[in-house]
PDB file of N, CA and C in Angstrom:
ATOM      1  N   MET A   1      -4.725 -21.754  33.277  1.00  0.00           N
ATOM      2  CA  MET A   1      -5.076 -22.156  31.933  1.00  0.00           C
ATOM      3  C   MET A   1      -4.231 -23.373  31.568  1.00  0.00           C
ATOM      4  N   THR A   2      -4.878 -24.367  31.050  1.00  0.00           N
ATOM      5  CA  THR A   2      -4.161 -25.578  30.640  1.00  0.00           C
ATOM      6  C   THR A   2      -3.478 -25.337  29.294  1.00  0.00           C
ATOM      7  N   ASP A   3      -2.543 -26.229  28.943  1.00  0.00           N
ATOM      8  CA  ASP A   3      -1.888 -26.145  27.638  1.00  0.00           C
ATOM      9  C   ASP A   3      -2.913 -26.243  26.513  1.00  0.00           C
ATOM     10  N   GLN A   4      -3.899 -27.095  26.692  1.00  0.00           N
ATOM     11  CA  GLN A   4      -4.934 -27.277  25.674  1.00  0.00           C
ATOM     12  C   GLN A   4      -5.772 -26.002  25.515  1.00  0.00           C
ATOM     13  N   GLU A   5      -6.112 -25.367  26.624  1.00  0.00           N
ATOM     14  CA  GLU A   5      -6.872 -24.117  26.564  1.00  0.00           C
ATOM     15  C   GLU A   5      -6.053 -23.010  25.900  1.00  0.00           C
ATOM     16  N   LEU A   6      -4.775 -22.932  26.269  1.00  0.00           N
ATOM     17  CA  LEU A   6      -3.892 -21.935  25.667  1.00  0.00           C
ATOM     18  C   LEU A   6      -3.796 -22.149  24.162  1.00  0.00           C
ATOM     19  N   ASP A   7      -3.631 -23.396  23.745  1.00  0.00           N
ATOM     20  CA  ASP A   7      -3.547 -23.714  22.323  1.00  0.00           C
ATOM     21  C   ASP A   7      -4.830 -23.311  21.596  1.00  0.00           C
ATOM     22  N   ALA A   8      -5.975 -23.573  22.205  1.00  0.00           N
ATOM     23  CA  ALA A   8      -7.257 -23.234  21.578  1.00  0.00           C
ATOM     24  C   ALA A   8      -7.413 -21.721  21.426  1.00  0.00           C
ATOM     25  N   VAL A   9      -7.023 -20.976  22.446  1.00  0.00           N
ATOM     26  CA  VAL A   9      -7.139 -19.520  22.386  1.00  0.00           C
ATOM     27  C   VAL A   9      -6.159 -18.951  21.365  1.00  0.00           C
ATOM     28  N   TYR A  10      -4.930 -19.456  21.365  1.00  0.00           N
ATOM     29  CA  TYR A  10      -3.928 -18.985  20.401  1.00  0.00           C
ATOM     30  C   TYR A  10      -4.371 -19.295  18.976  1.00  0.00           C
ATOM     31  N   THR A  11      -4.940 -20.473  18.773  1.00  0.00           N
ATOM     32  CA  THR A  11      -5.450 -20.849  17.457  1.00  0.00           C
ATOM     33  C   THR A  11      -6.572 -19.911  17.023  1.00  0.00           C
ATOM     34  N   ALA A  12      -7.460 -19.563  17.942  1.00  0.00           N
ATOM     35  CA  ALA A  12      -8.545 -18.630  17.622  1.00  0.00           C
ATOM     36  C   ALA A  12      -7.989 -17.268  17.209  1.00  0.00           C
ATOM     37  N   LEU A  13      -6.964 -16.804  17.909  1.00  0.00           N
ATOM     38  CA  LEU A  13      -6.337 -15.530  17.554  1.00  0.00           C
ATOM     39  C   LEU A  13      -5.695 -15.613  16.173  1.00  0.00           C
ATOM     40  N   CYS A  14      -4.975 -16.691  15.912  1.00  0.00           N
ATOM     41  CA  CYS A  14      -4.326 -16.864  14.608  1.00  0.00           C
ATOM     42  C   CYS A  14      -5.348 -16.917  13.482  1.00  0.00           C
ATOM     43  N   ARG A  15      -6.443 -17.595  13.708  1.00  0.00           N
ATOM     44  CA  ARG A  15      -7.498 -17.665  12.682  1.00  0.00           C
ATOM     45  C   ARG A  15      -8.112 -16.292  12.435  1.00  0.00           C
ATOM     46  N   ALA A  16      -8.359 -15.554  13.507  1.00  0.00           N
ATOM     47  CA  ALA A  16      -8.915 -14.204  13.356  1.00  0.00           C
ATOM     48  C   ALA A  16      -7.951 -13.322  12.564  1.00  0.00           C
ATOM     49  N   LEU A  17      -6.659 -13.430  12.856  1.00  0.00           N
ATOM     50  CA  LEU A  17      -5.658 -12.646  12.135  1.00  0.00           C
ATOM     51  C   LEU A  17      -5.581 -13.063  10.671  1.00  0.00           C
ATOM     52  N   GLY A  18      -5.710 -14.354  10.417  1.00  0.00           N
ATOM     53  CA  GLY A  18      -5.613 -14.877   9.061  1.00  0.00           C
ATOM     54  C   GLY A  18      -6.730 -14.417   8.144  1.00  0.00           C
ATOM     55  N   GLU A  19      -7.821 -13.978   8.707  1.00  0.00           N
ATOM     56  CA  GLU A  19      -8.960 -13.512   7.912  1.00  0.00           C
ATOM     57  C   GLU A  19      -8.854 -12.034   7.545  1.00  0.00           C
ATOM     58  N   LEU A  20      -7.802 -11.374   8.016  1.00  0.00           N
ATOM     59  CA  LEU A  20      -7.668  -9.932   7.822  1.00  0.00           C
ATOM     60  C   LEU A  20      -6.487  -9.600   6.926  1.00  0.00           C
ATOM     61  N   ASP A  21      -6.530  -8.393   6.338  1.00  0.00           N
ATOM     62  CA  ASP A  21      -5.338  -7.935   5.629  1.00  0.00           C
ATOM     63  C   ASP A  21      -4.331  -7.438   6.677  1.00  0.00           C
ATOM     64  N   HIS A  22      -3.153  -7.076   6.217  1.00  0.00           N
ATOM     65  CA  HIS A  22      -2.058  -6.713   7.133  1.00  0.00           C
ATOM     66  C   HIS A  22      -2.448  -5.569   8.077  1.00  0.00           C
ATOM     67  N   GLU A  23      -3.019  -4.517   7.519  1.00  0.00           N
ATOM     68  CA  GLU A  23      -3.376  -3.353   8.341  1.00  0.00           C
ATOM     69  C   GLU A  23      -4.444  -3.702   9.375  1.00  0.00           C
ATOM     70  N   GLN A  24      -5.442  -4.465   8.964  1.00  0.00           N
ATOM     71  CA  GLN A  24      -6.499  -4.868   9.894  1.00  0.00           C
ATOM     72  C   GLN A  24      -5.941  -5.783  10.986  1.00  0.00           C
ATOM     73  N   ALA A  25      -4.995  -6.650  10.616  1.00  0.00           N
ATOM     74  CA  ALA A  25      -4.381  -7.548  11.598  1.00  0.00           C
ATOM     75  C   ALA A  25      -3.607  -6.750  12.645  1.00  0.00           C
ATOM     76  N   LEU A  26      -2.896  -5.712  12.199  1.00  0.00           N
ATOM     77  CA  LEU A  26      -2.181  -4.860  13.153  1.00  0.00           C
ATOM     78  C   LEU A  26      -3.148  -4.159  14.098  1.00  0.00           C
ATOM     79  N   MET A  27      -4.280  -3.731  13.565  1.00  0.00           N
ATOM     80  CA  MET A  27      -5.293  -3.084  14.407  1.00  0.00           C
ATOM     81  C   MET A  27      -5.852  -4.072  15.432  1.00  0.00           C
ATOM     82  N   LEU A  28      -6.116  -5.302  14.998  1.00  0.00           N
ATOM     83  CA  LEU A  28      -6.624  -6.317  15.924  1.00  0.00           C
ATOM     84  C   LEU A  28      -5.605  -6.577  17.031  1.00  0.00           C
ATOM     85  N   LEU A  29      -4.332  -6.732  16.657  1.00  0.00           N
ATOM     86  CA  LEU A  29      -3.300  -6.979  17.667  1.00  0.00           C
ATOM     87  C   LEU A  29      -3.160  -5.800  18.626  1.00  0.00           C
ATOM     88  N   SER A  30      -3.257  -4.594  18.103  1.00  0.00           N
ATOM     89  CA  SER A  30      -3.174  -3.406  18.962  1.00  0.00           C
ATOM     90  C   SER A  30      -4.329  -3.365  19.949  1.00  0.00           C
ATOM     91  N   ARG A  31      -5.525  -3.623  19.454  1.00  0.00           N
ATOM     92  CA  ARG A  31      -6.701  -3.619  20.332  1.00  0.00           C
ATOM     93  C   ARG A  31      -6.608  -4.740  21.361  1.00  0.00           C
ATOM     94  N   PHE A  32      -6.173  -5.916  20.917  1.00  0.00           N
ATOM     95  CA  PHE A  32      -6.013  -7.035  21.833  1.00  0.00           C
ATOM     96  C   PHE A  32      -4.995  -6.694  22.927  1.00  0.00           C
ATOM     97  N   ALA A  33      -3.886  -6.073  22.534  1.00  0.00           N
ATOM     98  CA  ALA A  33      -2.860  -5.700  23.512  1.00  0.00           C
ATOM     99  C   ALA A  33      -3.420  -4.733  24.551  1.00  0.00           C
ATOM    100  N   LEU A  34      -4.167  -3.739  24.107  1.00  0.00           N
ATOM    101  CA  LEU A  34      -4.749  -2.778  25.053  1.00  0.00           C
ATOM    102  C   LEU A  34      -5.744  -3.447  25.993  1.00  0.00           C
ATOM    103  N   LEU A  35      -6.592  -4.323  25.449  1.00  0.00           N
ATOM    104  CA  LEU A  35      -7.553  -5.032  26.296  1.00  0.00           C
ATOM    105  C   LEU A  35      -6.837  -5.927  27.310  1.00  0.00           C
ATOM    106  N   ALA A  36      -5.778  -6.601  26.873  1.00  0.00           N
ATOM    107  CA  ALA A  36      -5.009  -7.462  27.779  1.00  0.00           C
ATOM    108  C   ALA A  36      -4.338  -6.632  28.872  1.00  0.00           C
ATOM    109  N   MET A  37      -3.814  -5.461  28.504  1.00  0.00           N
ATOM    110  CA  MET A  37      -3.190  -4.586  29.497  1.00  0.00           C
ATOM    111  C   MET A  37      -4.188  -4.174  30.570  1.00  0.00           C
ATOM    112  N   LEU A  38      -5.402  -3.870  30.154  1.00  0.00           N
ATOM    113  CA  LEU A  38      -6.429  -3.493  31.127  1.00  0.00           C
ATOM    114  C   LEU A  38      -6.761  -4.656  32.058  1.00  0.00           C
ATOM    115  N   GLU A  39      -6.750  -5.867  31.548  1.00  0.00           N
ATOM    116  CA  GLU A  39      -7.041  -7.048  32.366  1.00  0.00           C
ATOM    117  C   GLU A  39      -5.892  -7.366  33.321  1.00  0.00           C
ATOM    118  N   ILE A  40      -4.655  -7.235  32.842  1.00  0.00           N
ATOM    119  CA  ILE A  40      -3.485  -7.549  33.675  1.00  0.00           C
ATOM    120  C   ILE A  40      -3.345  -6.516  34.789  1.00  0.00           C
ATOM    121  N   ASP A  41      -3.544  -5.238  34.465  1.00  0.00           N
ATOM    122  CA  ASP A  41      -3.626  -4.163  35.458  1.00  0.00           C
ATOM    123  C   ASP A  41      -2.420  -4.079  36.388  1.00  0.00           C
ATOM    124  N   SER A  42      -1.220  -4.335  35.841  1.00  0.00           N
ATOM    125  CA  SER A  42       0.002  -4.213  36.628  1.00  0.00           C
ATOM    126  C   SER A  42       1.094  -3.624  35.738  1.00  0.00           C
ATOM    127  N   PRO A  43       1.404  -2.331  35.909  1.00  0.00           N
ATOM    128  CA  PRO A  43       2.421  -1.716  35.060  1.00  0.00           C
ATOM    129  C   PRO A  43       3.756  -2.460  35.079  1.00  0.00           C
ATOM    130  N   ASP A  44       4.191  -2.908  36.248  1.00  0.00           N
ATOM    131  CA  ASP A  44       5.463  -3.626  36.326  1.00  0.00           C
ATOM    132  C   ASP A  44       5.423  -4.909  35.503  1.00  0.00           C
ATOM    133  N   ARG A  45       4.359  -5.675  35.645  1.00  0.00           N
ATOM    134  CA  ARG A  45       4.227  -6.932  34.894  1.00  0.00           C
ATOM    135  C   ARG A  45       4.139  -6.656  33.399  1.00  0.00           C
ATOM    136  N   LEU A  46       3.417  -5.610  33.027  1.00  0.00           N
ATOM    137  CA  LEU A  46       3.295  -5.270  31.611  1.00  0.00           C
ATOM    138  C   LEU A  46       4.642  -4.884  31.015  1.00  0.00           C
ATOM    139  N   HIS A  47       5.452  -4.129  31.751  1.00  0.00           N
ATOM    140  CA  HIS A  47       6.793  -3.791  31.265  1.00  0.00           C
ATOM    141  C   HIS A  47       7.637  -5.053  31.088  1.00  0.00           C
ATOM    142  N   GLU A  48       7.527  -5.991  32.015  1.00  0.00           N
ATOM    143  CA  GLU A  48       8.246  -7.264  31.885  1.00  0.00           C
ATOM    144  C   GLU A  48       7.816  -8.002  30.624  1.00  0.00           C
ATOM    145  N   LEU A  49       6.521  -8.072  30.392  1.00  0.00           N
ATOM    146  CA  LEU A  49       5.997  -8.787  29.226  1.00  0.00           C
ATOM    147  C   LEU A  49       6.409  -8.114  27.920  1.00  0.00           C
ATOM    148  N   ILE A  50       6.407  -6.785  27.896  1.00  0.00           N
ATOM    149  CA  ILE A  50       6.855  -6.067  26.701  1.00  0.00           C
ATOM    150  C   ILE A  50       8.317  -6.399  26.420  1.00  0.00           C
ATOM    151  N   GLY A  51       9.130  -6.414  27.454  1.00  0.00           N
ATOM    152  CA  GLY A  51      10.536  -6.776  27.290  1.00  0.00           C
ATOM    153  C   GLY A  51      10.708  -8.187  26.764  1.00  0.00           C
ATOM    154  N   GLN A  52       9.944  -9.122  27.307  1.00  0.00           N
ATOM    155  CA  GLN A  52      10.020 -10.508  26.840  1.00  0.00           C
ATOM    156  C   GLN A  52       9.586 -10.621  25.387  1.00  0.00           C
ATOM    157  N   ALA A  53       8.531  -9.930  25.029  1.00  0.00           N
ATOM    158  CA  ALA A  53       8.021  -9.998  23.657  1.00  0.00           C
ATOM    159  C   ALA A  53       9.001  -9.373  22.663  1.00  0.00           C
ATOM    160  N   ALA A  54       9.778  -8.395  23.116  1.00  0.00           N
ATOM    161  CA  ALA A  54      10.722  -7.706  22.238  1.00  0.00           C
ATOM    162  C   ALA A  54      12.020  -8.484  22.037  1.00  0.00           C
ATOM    163  N   GLU A  55      12.256  -9.498  22.870  1.00  0.00           N
ATOM    164  CA  GLU A  55      13.472 -10.301  22.730  1.00  0.00           C
ATOM    165  C   GLU A  55      13.407 -11.130  21.452  1.00  0.00           C
ATOM    166  N   PRO A  56      14.561 -11.340  20.810  1.00  0.00           N
ATOM    167  CA  PRO A  56      14.566 -12.201  19.620  1.00  0.00           C
ATOM    168  C   PRO A  56      14.072 -13.603  19.966  1.00  0.00           C
ATOM    169  N   ALA A  57      13.373 -14.198  19.045  1.00  0.00           N
ATOM    170  CA  ALA A  57      12.799 -15.541  19.276  1.00  0.00           C
ATOM    171  C   ALA A  57      13.848 -16.621  19.322  1.00  0.00           C
TER     172      ALA A  57
END
């Protein structure tokens, strides 16, 4: 995925989240996370990504 493609996809996600209230946005993120986990299909990689996401920005 190119930087431009990544930016476009991230922007689409942000726009989708922006159209929802807080609870609906959390549901969208939860569903997205589960769908992404099914696509990645690697428990070790998923644990790594969860750790990275949990680190302070």
